[in-house]
């Protein structure tokens, strides 16, 4: 199954380089290129890509707002793409906003070629790119910097007590193996619980489960 990719970046050389690299790998095809966020939104609706490489900073419409529009309820394409944010800095004030907007991870522009290809495959497979510990560190950093009142959600009431425990541990950055050890259950059982949590809360992946855990006050940033 071929992964179709849309590249959105305001630098033509960056777009060309990424396109050449990805097209050279079996199972990946670059379906389009956009020079700004507005073009990215339009092309995403027309080309229906599986993955979008989205630069954070672009003219006319930045990558975060473009992500919000593409992942919004009015998005017209057949299926919702996964969005991988491209950033110049690993500590970037835009990272948390990008994840909160619905992105499935971020990648440094100076990443190695094999890291870019791996990232596209991981995101296309429905997984978040960030490791649990990295996810927690990044989200906690920005959530702690911008404290806000917990966001109530009635969806939490649909979770069983065990699923709620699993969500809290996801929010604390635990891997499936660590959750299994903490709760004295099999790792396969953890995977089942994680899947049910994501489905019941309509979450894209574990990254967004972590965000929800912080937003609802289930997990609080460390002091």
N, C-alpha and C. Protein backbone atom coordinates (compact mmCIF):
# COMPACT_ATOMS: atom_id res chain seq x y z
N UNK A 1 0.85 -1.18 0.00
CA UNK A 1 0.00 0.00 0.00
C UNK A 1 0.89 1.24 0.00
N UNK A 2 0.70 2.13 -0.98
CA UNK A 2 1.54 3.31 -1.12
C UNK A 2 1.05 4.44 -0.22
N UNK A 3 1.98 5.08 0.47
CA UNK A 3 1.67 6.23 1.33
C UNK A 3 1.80 7.50 0.49
N UNK A 4 0.72 8.24 0.36
CA UNK A 4 0.79 9.51 -0.38
C UNK A 4 1.11 10.64 0.59
N UNK A 5 2.02 11.52 0.17
CA UNK A 5 2.52 12.58 1.05
C UNK A 5 2.38 13.94 0.37
N UNK A 6 1.90 14.91 1.13
CA UNK A 6 1.87 16.30 0.70
C UNK A 6 2.92 17.06 1.51
N UNK A 7 3.77 17.82 0.82
CA UNK A 7 4.82 18.58 1.49
C UNK A 7 4.45 20.06 1.47
N UNK A 8 4.39 20.69 2.64
CA UNK A 8 4.07 22.11 2.75
C UNK A 8 5.22 22.85 3.42
N UNK A 9 5.93 23.66 2.63
CA UNK A 9 7.06 24.43 3.14
C UNK A 9 7.28 25.61 2.21
N UNK A 10 7.61 26.77 2.78
CA UNK A 10 7.77 27.95 1.94
C UNK A 10 9.12 28.02 1.23
N UNK A 11 10.02 27.08 1.51
CA UNK A 11 11.32 27.06 0.85
C UNK A 11 11.32 25.99 -0.24
N UNK A 12 11.46 26.43 -1.48
CA UNK A 12 11.39 25.52 -2.62
C UNK A 12 12.45 24.43 -2.55
N UNK A 13 13.64 24.75 -2.09
CA UNK A 13 14.72 23.76 -2.02
C UNK A 13 14.41 22.69 -0.98
N UNK A 14 13.78 23.10 0.11
CA UNK A 14 13.41 22.13 1.14
C UNK A 14 12.35 21.18 0.58
N UNK A 15 11.35 21.73 -0.09
CA UNK A 15 10.30 20.89 -0.68
C UNK A 15 10.89 19.91 -1.69
N UNK A 16 11.77 20.42 -2.55
CA UNK A 16 12.35 19.57 -3.59
C UNK A 16 13.21 18.47 -2.98
N UNK A 17 13.97 18.82 -1.95
CA UNK A 17 14.83 17.83 -1.31
C UNK A 17 14.03 16.73 -0.64
N UNK A 18 13.00 17.11 0.11
CA UNK A 18 12.15 16.13 0.77
C UNK A 18 11.43 15.26 -0.25
N UNK A 19 10.96 15.88 -1.34
CA UNK A 19 10.23 15.14 -2.36
C UNK A 19 11.12 14.10 -3.02
N UNK A 20 12.33 14.50 -3.37
CA UNK A 20 13.26 13.56 -4.02
C UNK A 20 13.60 12.41 -3.09
N UNK A 21 13.80 12.72 -1.83
CA UNK A 21 14.15 11.70 -0.85
C UNK A 21 13.01 10.69 -0.67
N UNK A 22 11.80 11.18 -0.48
CA UNK A 22 10.67 10.30 -0.22
C UNK A 22 10.28 9.49 -1.45
N UNK A 23 10.30 10.13 -2.64
CA UNK A 23 9.94 9.42 -3.86
C UNK A 23 10.91 8.28 -4.19
N UNK A 24 12.11 8.36 -3.63
CA UNK A 24 13.12 7.33 -3.89
C UNK A 24 12.86 6.06 -3.08
N UNK A 25 11.92 6.11 -2.15
CA UNK A 25 11.64 4.95 -1.30
C UNK A 25 10.37 4.24 -1.73
N UNK A 26 10.46 2.94 -1.81
CA UNK A 26 9.31 2.13 -2.20
C UNK A 26 8.17 2.29 -1.20
N UNK A 27 6.97 2.44 -1.72
CA UNK A 27 5.81 2.53 -0.86
C UNK A 27 5.47 3.95 -0.43
N UNK A 28 6.22 4.93 -0.91
CA UNK A 28 5.95 6.34 -0.58
C UNK A 28 5.89 7.13 -1.88
N UNK A 29 4.88 7.98 -2.01
CA UNK A 29 4.74 8.81 -3.21
C UNK A 29 4.35 10.22 -2.81
N UNK A 30 5.11 11.21 -3.27
CA UNK A 30 4.77 12.61 -3.00
C UNK A 30 3.72 13.04 -4.01
N UNK A 31 2.53 13.36 -3.51
CA UNK A 31 1.40 13.69 -4.39
C UNK A 31 1.29 15.17 -4.68
N UNK A 32 1.94 16.02 -3.87
CA UNK A 32 1.83 17.45 -4.10
C UNK A 32 2.74 18.25 -3.20
N UNK A 33 2.92 19.52 -3.56
CA UNK A 33 3.76 20.44 -2.79
C UNK A 33 3.04 21.77 -2.64
N UNK A 34 3.12 22.36 -1.45
CA UNK A 34 2.48 23.65 -1.17
C UNK A 34 3.52 24.61 -0.62
N UNK A 35 3.41 25.89 -1.03
CA UNK A 35 4.38 26.90 -0.61
C UNK A 35 3.91 27.69 0.62
N UNK A 36 2.68 27.48 1.04
CA UNK A 36 2.19 28.16 2.24
C UNK A 36 1.01 27.38 2.82
N UNK A 37 0.53 27.82 3.98
CA UNK A 37 -0.53 27.09 4.64
C UNK A 37 -1.83 27.07 3.88
N UNK A 38 -2.15 28.18 3.20
CA UNK A 38 -3.40 28.24 2.45
C UNK A 38 -3.38 27.22 1.30
N UNK A 39 -2.25 27.12 0.62
CA UNK A 39 -2.12 26.12 -0.44
C UNK A 39 -2.21 24.71 0.13
N UNK A 40 -1.64 24.52 1.30
CA UNK A 40 -1.67 23.20 1.93
C UNK A 40 -3.10 22.76 2.21
N UNK A 41 -3.92 23.67 2.73
CA UNK A 41 -5.32 23.35 3.02
C UNK A 41 -6.05 22.98 1.73
N UNK A 42 -5.85 23.78 0.67
CA UNK A 42 -6.53 23.52 -0.60
C UNK A 42 -6.09 22.21 -1.24
N UNK A 43 -4.77 21.98 -1.24
CA UNK A 43 -4.26 20.75 -1.85
C UNK A 43 -4.64 19.51 -1.05
N UNK A 44 -4.68 19.64 0.26
CA UNK A 44 -5.06 18.50 1.10
C UNK A 44 -6.47 18.05 0.77
N UNK A 45 -7.36 19.00 0.56
CA UNK A 45 -8.75 18.66 0.24
C UNK A 45 -8.84 18.02 -1.15
N UNK A 46 -8.00 18.47 -2.06
CA UNK A 46 -8.09 17.97 -3.44
C UNK A 46 -7.35 16.65 -3.63
N UNK A 47 -6.16 16.51 -2.99
CA UNK A 47 -5.31 15.35 -3.22
C UNK A 47 -5.56 14.22 -2.23
N UNK A 48 -6.16 14.54 -1.09
CA UNK A 48 -6.47 13.54 -0.07
C UNK A 48 -5.24 12.70 0.31
N UNK A 49 -4.16 13.34 0.79
CA UNK A 49 -2.94 12.59 1.13
C UNK A 49 -3.09 11.80 2.43
N UNK A 50 -2.23 10.83 2.60
CA UNK A 50 -2.21 10.08 3.86
C UNK A 50 -1.45 10.84 4.95
N UNK A 51 -0.37 11.50 4.54
CA UNK A 51 0.50 12.22 5.48
C UNK A 51 0.81 13.60 4.91
N UNK A 52 0.83 14.60 5.76
CA UNK A 52 1.25 15.94 5.36
C UNK A 52 2.47 16.34 6.18
N UNK A 53 3.56 16.68 5.50
CA UNK A 53 4.71 17.29 6.16
C UNK A 53 4.45 18.78 6.18
N UNK A 54 4.23 19.35 7.36
CA UNK A 54 3.76 20.73 7.47
C UNK A 54 4.78 21.59 8.22
N UNK A 55 5.35 22.56 7.49
CA UNK A 55 6.26 23.50 8.14
C UNK A 55 5.46 24.36 9.12
N UNK A 56 6.06 24.67 10.26
CA UNK A 56 5.37 25.47 11.26
C UNK A 56 5.20 26.91 10.79
N UNK A 57 6.29 27.50 10.31
CA UNK A 57 6.27 28.91 9.94
C UNK A 57 6.18 29.06 8.42
N UNK A 58 5.05 29.58 7.94
CA UNK A 58 4.85 29.82 6.51
C UNK A 58 4.06 31.10 6.33
N UNK A 59 4.20 31.77 5.17
CA UNK A 59 3.42 32.99 4.91
C UNK A 59 1.96 32.68 4.61
N UNK A 60 1.14 33.74 4.67
CA UNK A 60 -0.29 33.70 4.40
C UNK A 60 -1.07 32.94 5.48
N UNK A 61 -0.66 31.71 5.74
CA UNK A 61 -1.31 30.91 6.77
C UNK A 61 -0.25 29.99 7.36
N UNK A 62 -0.02 30.08 8.67
CA UNK A 62 1.05 29.25 9.24
C UNK A 62 0.61 27.80 9.36
N UNK A 63 1.57 26.94 9.65
CA UNK A 63 1.30 25.51 9.67
C UNK A 63 0.33 25.08 10.74
N UNK A 64 0.31 25.80 11.86
CA UNK A 64 -0.59 25.42 12.95
C UNK A 64 -2.04 25.70 12.57
N UNK A 65 -2.30 26.87 12.00
CA UNK A 65 -3.66 27.19 11.60
C UNK A 65 -4.10 26.30 10.44
N UNK A 66 -3.17 26.01 9.54
CA UNK A 66 -3.50 25.09 8.44
C UNK A 66 -3.86 23.72 8.99
N UNK A 67 -3.13 23.27 10.01
CA UNK A 67 -3.43 21.99 10.65
C UNK A 67 -4.81 22.00 11.28
N UNK A 68 -5.15 23.08 11.97
CA UNK A 68 -6.47 23.19 12.59
C UNK A 68 -7.58 23.08 11.54
N UNK A 69 -7.38 23.74 10.41
CA UNK A 69 -8.42 23.73 9.37
C UNK A 69 -8.54 22.35 8.72
N UNK A 70 -7.41 21.72 8.46
CA UNK A 70 -7.44 20.41 7.82
C UNK A 70 -8.05 19.35 8.73
N UNK A 71 -7.77 19.46 10.02
CA UNK A 71 -8.28 18.47 10.97
C UNK A 71 -9.60 18.89 11.60
N UNK A 72 -10.18 19.98 11.10
CA UNK A 72 -11.45 20.46 11.62
C UNK A 72 -12.63 19.68 11.08
N UNK A 73 -13.80 19.91 11.64
CA UNK A 73 -15.00 19.13 11.25
C UNK A 73 -15.48 19.39 9.83
N UNK A 74 -15.07 20.51 9.23
CA UNK A 74 -15.54 20.82 7.88
C UNK A 74 -14.61 20.32 6.78
N UNK A 75 -13.57 19.57 7.15
CA UNK A 75 -12.62 19.08 6.17
C UNK A 75 -13.33 18.18 5.16
N UNK A 76 -13.21 18.46 3.85
CA UNK A 76 -14.05 17.78 2.85
C UNK A 76 -13.49 16.48 2.25
N UNK A 77 -12.24 16.12 2.55
CA UNK A 77 -11.65 14.96 1.88
C UNK A 77 -12.23 13.64 2.39
N UNK A 78 -11.91 12.57 1.69
CA UNK A 78 -12.47 11.25 2.01
C UNK A 78 -12.00 10.75 3.37
N UNK A 79 -10.77 10.99 3.71
CA UNK A 79 -10.29 10.58 5.03
C UNK A 79 -9.35 11.65 5.56
N UNK A 80 -9.21 11.70 6.87
CA UNK A 80 -8.40 12.74 7.51
C UNK A 80 -6.93 12.32 7.51
N UNK A 81 -6.05 13.17 7.03
CA UNK A 81 -4.63 12.81 6.97
C UNK A 81 -3.95 12.92 8.32
N UNK A 82 -2.79 12.32 8.42
CA UNK A 82 -1.92 12.51 9.58
C UNK A 82 -0.97 13.66 9.27
N UNK A 83 -0.74 14.50 10.24
CA UNK A 83 0.11 15.67 10.00
C UNK A 83 1.36 15.62 10.86
N UNK A 84 2.50 15.75 10.19
CA UNK A 84 3.81 15.74 10.83
C UNK A 84 4.40 17.13 10.69
N UNK A 85 4.59 17.81 11.80
CA UNK A 85 5.08 19.18 11.77
C UNK A 85 6.60 19.22 11.59
N UNK A 86 7.03 20.16 10.76
CA UNK A 86 8.46 20.37 10.53
C UNK A 86 8.88 21.63 11.27
N UNK A 87 9.93 21.55 12.04
CA UNK A 87 10.39 22.70 12.81
C UNK A 87 11.91 22.80 12.78
N UNK A 88 12.41 24.00 12.94
CA UNK A 88 13.86 24.23 12.92
C UNK A 88 14.48 23.97 14.28
N UNK A 89 13.69 24.16 15.34
CA UNK A 89 14.23 24.05 16.70
C UNK A 89 13.51 22.95 17.45
N UNK A 90 14.28 22.21 18.26
CA UNK A 90 13.65 21.13 19.03
C UNK A 90 12.88 21.70 20.23
N UNK A 91 13.27 22.86 20.74
CA UNK A 91 12.50 23.51 21.79
C UNK A 91 11.85 24.72 21.14
N UNK A 92 10.62 24.55 20.75
CA UNK A 92 9.95 25.53 19.92
C UNK A 92 8.57 25.80 20.53
N UNK A 93 8.27 27.08 20.75
CA UNK A 93 7.01 27.43 21.37
C UNK A 93 5.80 26.97 20.56
N UNK A 94 6.02 26.64 19.29
CA UNK A 94 4.92 26.22 18.45
C UNK A 94 4.59 24.73 18.59
N UNK A 95 5.51 23.97 19.18
CA UNK A 95 5.33 22.51 19.21
C UNK A 95 4.05 22.11 19.93
N UNK A 96 3.83 22.66 21.12
CA UNK A 96 2.65 22.28 21.88
C UNK A 96 1.37 22.69 21.14
N UNK A 97 1.38 23.90 20.56
CA UNK A 97 0.21 24.35 19.80
C UNK A 97 -0.07 23.41 18.63
N UNK A 98 1.00 22.94 17.99
CA UNK A 98 0.85 22.03 16.85
C UNK A 98 0.23 20.71 17.29
N UNK A 99 0.71 20.16 18.39
CA UNK A 99 0.16 18.90 18.88
C UNK A 99 -1.29 19.09 19.31
N UNK A 100 -1.57 20.22 19.97
CA UNK A 100 -2.93 20.48 20.42
C UNK A 100 -3.87 20.66 19.24
N UNK A 101 -3.34 21.17 18.12
CA UNK A 101 -4.16 21.36 16.92
C UNK A 101 -4.49 20.04 16.24
N UNK A 102 -3.79 18.98 16.62
CA UNK A 102 -4.09 17.66 16.06
C UNK A 102 -2.95 16.98 15.35
N UNK A 103 -1.77 17.63 15.30
CA UNK A 103 -0.61 17.00 14.66
C UNK A 103 -0.21 15.74 15.41
N UNK A 104 0.35 14.78 14.69
CA UNK A 104 0.74 13.51 15.30
C UNK A 104 2.21 13.45 15.68
N UNK A 105 2.88 14.57 15.62
CA UNK A 105 4.27 14.60 16.02
C UNK A 105 5.00 15.72 15.30
N UNK A 106 6.30 15.83 15.57
CA UNK A 106 7.08 16.84 14.89
C UNK A 106 8.46 16.28 14.58
N UNK A 107 9.09 16.90 13.59
CA UNK A 107 10.38 16.43 13.12
C UNK A 107 11.26 17.64 12.82
N UNK A 108 12.52 17.56 13.23
CA UNK A 108 13.45 18.64 12.92
C UNK A 108 13.81 18.62 11.45
N UNK A 109 13.96 19.80 10.87
CA UNK A 109 14.27 19.88 9.44
C UNK A 109 15.64 19.31 9.11
N UNK A 110 16.52 19.29 10.10
CA UNK A 110 17.86 18.74 9.84
C UNK A 110 17.96 17.27 10.24
N UNK A 111 16.81 16.60 10.35
CA UNK A 111 16.82 15.17 10.67
C UNK A 111 17.51 14.39 9.55
N UNK A 112 18.03 13.24 9.90
CA UNK A 112 18.67 12.39 8.90
C UNK A 112 17.63 11.85 7.92
N UNK A 113 18.02 11.56 6.69
CA UNK A 113 17.07 11.06 5.70
C UNK A 113 16.27 9.85 6.18
N UNK A 114 16.96 8.91 6.83
CA UNK A 114 16.25 7.72 7.29
C UNK A 114 15.25 8.05 8.40
N UNK A 115 15.53 9.12 9.16
CA UNK A 115 14.59 9.54 10.20
C UNK A 115 13.32 10.12 9.58
N UNK A 116 13.47 10.85 8.49
CA UNK A 116 12.31 11.40 7.80
C UNK A 116 11.43 10.28 7.24
N UNK A 117 12.05 9.32 6.58
CA UNK A 117 11.30 8.21 6.00
C UNK A 117 10.60 7.41 7.11
N UNK A 118 11.33 7.15 8.18
CA UNK A 118 10.75 6.42 9.32
C UNK A 118 9.56 7.19 9.89
N UNK A 119 9.71 8.50 10.03
CA UNK A 119 8.64 9.32 10.60
C UNK A 119 7.37 9.24 9.75
N UNK A 120 7.53 9.32 8.44
CA UNK A 120 6.37 9.24 7.55
C UNK A 120 5.67 7.90 7.69
N UNK A 121 6.44 6.82 7.75
CA UNK A 121 5.84 5.49 7.87
C UNK A 121 5.13 5.32 9.22
N UNK A 122 5.74 5.81 10.29
CA UNK A 122 5.15 5.69 11.63
C UNK A 122 3.83 6.44 11.71
N UNK A 123 3.84 7.68 11.24
CA UNK A 123 2.63 8.50 11.30
C UNK A 123 1.54 7.93 10.40
N UNK A 124 1.91 7.46 9.22
CA UNK A 124 0.93 6.87 8.31
C UNK A 124 0.28 5.63 8.90
N UNK A 125 1.01 4.95 9.76
CA UNK A 125 0.51 3.72 10.40
C UNK A 125 -0.46 4.01 11.53
N UNK A 126 -0.63 5.31 11.84
CA UNK A 126 -1.58 5.68 12.88
C UNK A 126 -0.96 5.88 14.24
N UNK A 127 0.37 5.83 14.33
CA UNK A 127 1.05 6.00 15.60
C UNK A 127 1.55 7.43 15.75
N UNK A 128 1.71 7.86 16.99
CA UNK A 128 2.33 9.16 17.24
C UNK A 128 3.84 8.99 17.10
N UNK A 129 4.48 10.01 16.60
CA UNK A 129 5.92 9.90 16.35
C UNK A 129 6.73 9.94 17.63
N UNK A 130 6.26 10.65 18.63
CA UNK A 130 7.05 10.87 19.84
C UNK A 130 7.00 9.67 20.77
N UNK A 131 8.13 9.36 21.37
CA UNK A 131 8.18 8.32 22.39
C UNK A 131 7.42 8.82 23.62
N UNK A 132 6.87 7.93 24.45
CA UNK A 132 6.08 8.38 25.61
C UNK A 132 6.80 9.37 26.51
N UNK A 133 8.08 9.11 26.81
CA UNK A 133 8.81 10.01 27.71
C UNK A 133 9.01 11.38 27.09
N UNK A 134 9.28 11.42 25.78
CA UNK A 134 9.45 12.68 25.08
C UNK A 134 8.13 13.43 25.01
N UNK A 135 7.06 12.69 24.74
CA UNK A 135 5.73 13.29 24.71
C UNK A 135 5.43 14.00 26.01
N UNK A 136 5.68 13.31 27.11
CA UNK A 136 5.37 13.90 28.41
C UNK A 136 6.22 15.13 28.66
N UNK A 137 7.50 15.05 28.34
CA UNK A 137 8.40 16.18 28.62
C UNK A 137 7.97 17.43 27.86
N UNK A 138 7.66 17.24 26.58
CA UNK A 138 7.28 18.38 25.75
C UNK A 138 5.94 18.97 26.21
N UNK A 139 4.94 18.12 26.37
CA UNK A 139 3.61 18.60 26.72
C UNK A 139 3.61 19.21 28.11
N UNK A 140 4.32 18.59 29.04
CA UNK A 140 4.37 19.12 30.40
C UNK A 140 5.06 20.48 30.42
N UNK A 141 6.09 20.62 29.62
CA UNK A 141 6.83 21.87 29.56
C UNK A 141 5.92 23.03 29.14
N UNK A 142 5.15 22.82 28.08
CA UNK A 142 4.32 23.91 27.57
C UNK A 142 3.03 24.06 28.35
N UNK A 143 2.49 22.95 28.86
CA UNK A 143 1.29 23.05 29.69
C UNK A 143 1.62 23.78 30.98
N UNK A 144 2.81 23.51 31.53
CA UNK A 144 3.23 24.18 32.76
C UNK A 144 3.52 25.64 32.55
N UNK A 145 3.99 25.99 31.37
CA UNK A 145 4.33 27.38 31.07
C UNK A 145 3.08 28.22 30.92
N UNK A 146 2.00 27.57 30.45
CA UNK A 146 0.77 28.32 30.21
C UNK A 146 -0.37 27.67 30.99
N UNK A 147 -0.36 27.83 32.31
CA UNK A 147 -1.38 27.17 33.13
C UNK A 147 -2.78 27.67 32.79
N UNK A 148 -3.76 26.78 32.91
CA UNK A 148 -5.14 27.15 32.63
C UNK A 148 -6.05 26.24 33.43
N UNK A 149 -7.29 26.64 33.53
CA UNK A 149 -8.23 25.84 34.30
C UNK A 149 -8.50 24.53 33.56
N UNK A 150 -8.68 23.42 34.30
CA UNK A 150 -8.95 22.14 33.64
C UNK A 150 -10.18 22.22 32.75
N UNK A 151 -10.12 21.57 31.61
CA UNK A 151 -11.23 21.56 30.67
C UNK A 151 -12.11 20.35 30.94
N UNK A 152 -13.36 20.58 31.36
CA UNK A 152 -14.23 19.43 31.65
C UNK A 152 -14.63 18.73 30.36
N UNK A 153 -14.81 17.43 30.46
CA UNK A 153 -15.30 16.68 29.31
C UNK A 153 -16.19 15.54 29.79
N UNK A 154 -17.38 15.45 29.23
CA UNK A 154 -18.31 14.41 29.63
C UNK A 154 -17.86 13.05 29.12
N UNK A 155 -16.94 13.04 28.13
CA UNK A 155 -16.49 11.78 27.56
C UNK A 155 -15.79 10.91 28.59
N UNK A 156 -15.14 11.53 29.57
CA UNK A 156 -14.43 10.76 30.59
C UNK A 156 -15.38 9.84 31.35
N UNK A 157 -16.62 10.24 31.44
CA UNK A 157 -17.60 9.43 32.18
C UNK A 157 -17.84 8.09 31.50
N UNK A 158 -17.51 7.98 30.22
CA UNK A 158 -17.71 6.73 29.49
C UNK A 158 -16.62 5.71 29.78
N UNK A 159 -15.52 6.15 30.39
CA UNK A 159 -14.42 5.23 30.67
C UNK A 159 -14.70 4.39 31.90
N UNK A 160 -14.25 3.16 31.86
CA UNK A 160 -14.30 2.32 33.07
C UNK A 160 -13.20 2.80 34.02
N UNK A 161 -13.24 2.33 35.25
CA UNK A 161 -12.20 2.72 36.21
C UNK A 161 -10.83 2.31 35.71
N UNK A 162 -10.73 1.13 35.13
CA UNK A 162 -9.44 0.65 34.63
C UNK A 162 -8.96 1.51 33.46
N UNK A 163 -9.87 1.86 32.56
CA UNK A 163 -9.50 2.70 31.42
C UNK A 163 -9.05 4.08 31.89
N UNK A 164 -9.67 4.57 32.92
CA UNK A 164 -9.28 5.87 33.49
C UNK A 164 -7.87 5.78 34.08
N UNK A 165 -7.57 4.67 34.75
CA UNK A 165 -6.22 4.46 35.28
C UNK A 165 -5.20 4.43 34.16
N UNK A 166 -5.54 3.76 33.08
CA UNK A 166 -4.65 3.67 31.93
C UNK A 166 -4.42 5.05 31.34
N UNK A 167 -5.47 5.86 31.22
CA UNK A 167 -5.33 7.21 30.67
C UNK A 167 -4.40 8.06 31.53
N UNK A 168 -4.54 7.94 32.83
CA UNK A 168 -3.65 8.70 33.73
C UNK A 168 -2.19 8.30 33.51
N UNK A 169 -1.95 7.01 33.37
CA UNK A 169 -0.58 6.55 33.19
C UNK A 169 -0.03 6.94 31.80
N UNK A 170 -0.91 6.95 30.79
CA UNK A 170 -0.48 7.45 29.48
C UNK A 170 -0.07 8.91 29.63
N UNK A 171 -0.87 9.67 30.37
CA UNK A 171 -0.57 11.07 30.59
C UNK A 171 0.74 11.30 31.33
N UNK A 172 1.13 10.33 32.12
CA UNK A 172 2.40 10.43 32.84
C UNK A 172 3.58 9.93 32.04
N UNK A 173 3.32 9.58 30.78
CA UNK A 173 4.42 9.19 29.90
C UNK A 173 4.82 7.74 29.97
N UNK A 174 3.96 6.89 30.53
CA UNK A 174 4.29 5.47 30.65
C UNK A 174 4.10 4.76 29.30
N UNK A 175 4.99 3.84 29.01
CA UNK A 175 4.83 2.97 27.85
C UNK A 175 3.86 1.85 28.21
N UNK A 176 3.44 1.06 27.21
CA UNK A 176 2.55 -0.06 27.49
C UNK A 176 3.17 -1.05 28.45
N UNK A 177 4.46 -1.28 28.27
CA UNK A 177 5.16 -2.22 29.16
C UNK A 177 5.15 -1.71 30.59
N UNK A 178 5.38 -0.42 30.77
CA UNK A 178 5.39 0.17 32.12
C UNK A 178 4.00 0.18 32.73
N UNK A 179 2.99 0.45 31.91
CA UNK A 179 1.62 0.43 32.42
C UNK A 179 1.24 -0.98 32.88
N UNK A 180 1.65 -1.98 32.10
CA UNK A 180 1.37 -3.37 32.47
C UNK A 180 1.98 -3.71 33.82
N UNK A 181 3.22 -3.24 34.03
CA UNK A 181 3.89 -3.51 35.30
C UNK A 181 3.22 -2.77 36.45
N UNK A 182 2.83 -1.52 36.20
CA UNK A 182 2.19 -0.71 37.26
C UNK A 182 0.85 -1.30 37.69
N UNK A 183 0.09 -1.84 36.72
CA UNK A 183 -1.25 -2.33 37.01
C UNK A 183 -1.32 -3.85 37.19
N UNK A 184 -0.17 -4.51 37.03
CA UNK A 184 -0.09 -5.96 37.20
C UNK A 184 -1.03 -6.68 36.23
N UNK A 185 -1.00 -6.24 34.98
CA UNK A 185 -1.81 -6.88 33.93
C UNK A 185 -0.91 -7.15 32.72
N UNK A 186 -1.41 -7.96 31.79
CA UNK A 186 -0.63 -8.31 30.61
C UNK A 186 -0.52 -7.11 29.67
N UNK A 187 0.59 -7.05 28.94
CA UNK A 187 0.79 -5.93 28.01
C UNK A 187 -0.27 -5.92 26.91
N UNK A 188 -0.71 -7.09 26.47
CA UNK A 188 -1.76 -7.15 25.47
C UNK A 188 -3.06 -6.56 26.00
N UNK A 189 -3.31 -6.78 27.28
CA UNK A 189 -4.49 -6.19 27.92
C UNK A 189 -4.39 -4.68 27.94
N UNK A 190 -3.18 -4.17 28.19
CA UNK A 190 -2.95 -2.73 28.16
C UNK A 190 -3.27 -2.18 26.78
N UNK A 191 -2.79 -2.85 25.75
CA UNK A 191 -3.05 -2.40 24.37
C UNK A 191 -4.54 -2.32 24.10
N UNK A 192 -5.29 -3.31 24.62
CA UNK A 192 -6.74 -3.30 24.45
C UNK A 192 -7.36 -2.10 25.13
N UNK A 193 -6.93 -1.84 26.37
CA UNK A 193 -7.45 -0.69 27.12
C UNK A 193 -7.11 0.63 26.42
N UNK A 194 -5.88 0.74 25.93
CA UNK A 194 -5.46 1.97 25.24
C UNK A 194 -6.33 2.20 24.01
N UNK A 195 -6.57 1.14 23.26
CA UNK A 195 -7.41 1.26 22.08
C UNK A 195 -8.82 1.72 22.43
N UNK A 196 -9.36 1.19 23.52
CA UNK A 196 -10.71 1.59 23.93
C UNK A 196 -10.74 3.04 24.41
N UNK A 197 -9.69 3.46 25.11
CA UNK A 197 -9.61 4.85 25.58
C UNK A 197 -9.59 5.80 24.39
N UNK A 198 -8.76 5.50 23.40
CA UNK A 198 -8.66 6.36 22.22
C UNK A 198 -9.99 6.41 21.47
N UNK A 199 -10.64 5.26 21.36
CA UNK A 199 -11.91 5.19 20.63
C UNK A 199 -13.02 5.95 21.36
N UNK A 200 -13.14 5.71 22.66
CA UNK A 200 -14.21 6.36 23.43
C UNK A 200 -14.05 7.87 23.49
N UNK A 201 -12.81 8.33 23.55
CA UNK A 201 -12.55 9.77 23.66
C UNK A 201 -12.32 10.41 22.30
N UNK A 202 -12.43 9.60 21.24
CA UNK A 202 -12.24 10.10 19.88
C UNK A 202 -10.89 10.81 19.72
N UNK A 203 -9.84 10.12 20.18
CA UNK A 203 -8.50 10.69 20.14
C UNK A 203 -7.70 10.07 19.01
N UNK A 204 -6.86 10.87 18.40
CA UNK A 204 -6.10 10.45 17.23
C UNK A 204 -5.01 9.45 17.58
N UNK A 205 -4.31 9.68 18.72
CA UNK A 205 -3.22 8.81 19.12
C UNK A 205 -2.83 9.12 20.56
N UNK A 206 -1.75 8.51 21.04
CA UNK A 206 -1.35 8.66 22.44
C UNK A 206 -0.96 10.09 22.78
N UNK A 207 -0.38 10.80 21.81
CA UNK A 207 -0.01 12.19 22.06
C UNK A 207 -1.23 12.98 22.52
N UNK A 208 -2.34 12.78 21.82
CA UNK A 208 -3.53 13.54 22.15
C UNK A 208 -4.23 13.01 23.41
N UNK A 209 -3.94 11.77 23.77
CA UNK A 209 -4.41 11.27 25.06
C UNK A 209 -3.67 11.97 26.18
N UNK A 210 -2.38 12.21 25.99
CA UNK A 210 -1.59 12.94 27.00
C UNK A 210 -2.13 14.36 27.14
N UNK A 211 -2.38 15.02 26.03
CA UNK A 211 -2.90 16.39 26.07
C UNK A 211 -4.23 16.43 26.81
N UNK A 212 -5.11 15.48 26.51
CA UNK A 212 -6.41 15.44 27.17
C UNK A 212 -6.25 15.22 28.68
N UNK A 213 -5.32 14.36 29.05
CA UNK A 213 -5.09 14.09 30.47
C UNK A 213 -4.70 15.35 31.22
N UNK A 214 -3.90 16.21 30.57
CA UNK A 214 -3.53 17.48 31.19
C UNK A 214 -4.69 18.47 31.13
N UNK A 215 -5.36 18.55 29.99
CA UNK A 215 -6.44 19.52 29.82
C UNK A 215 -7.59 19.29 30.79
N UNK A 216 -7.84 18.03 31.13
CA UNK A 216 -8.96 17.71 32.03
C UNK A 216 -8.55 17.66 33.49
N UNK A 217 -7.26 17.88 33.76
CA UNK A 217 -6.80 17.87 35.14
C UNK A 217 -6.51 16.51 35.71
N UNK A 218 -6.60 15.45 34.90
CA UNK A 218 -6.25 14.11 35.39
C UNK A 218 -4.79 14.03 35.76
N UNK A 219 -3.96 14.75 35.01
CA UNK A 219 -2.52 14.82 35.28
C UNK A 219 -2.14 16.29 35.35
N UNK A 220 -1.32 16.66 36.33
CA UNK A 220 -0.90 18.03 36.48
C UNK A 220 0.60 18.16 36.21
N UNK A 221 1.03 19.29 35.63
CA UNK A 221 2.46 19.48 35.39
C UNK A 221 3.24 19.44 36.69
N UNK A 222 4.43 18.87 36.65
CA UNK A 222 5.28 18.82 37.84
C UNK A 222 5.73 20.23 38.18
N UNK A 223 5.93 20.46 39.43
CA UNK A 223 6.38 21.79 39.86
C UNK A 223 7.85 21.96 39.57
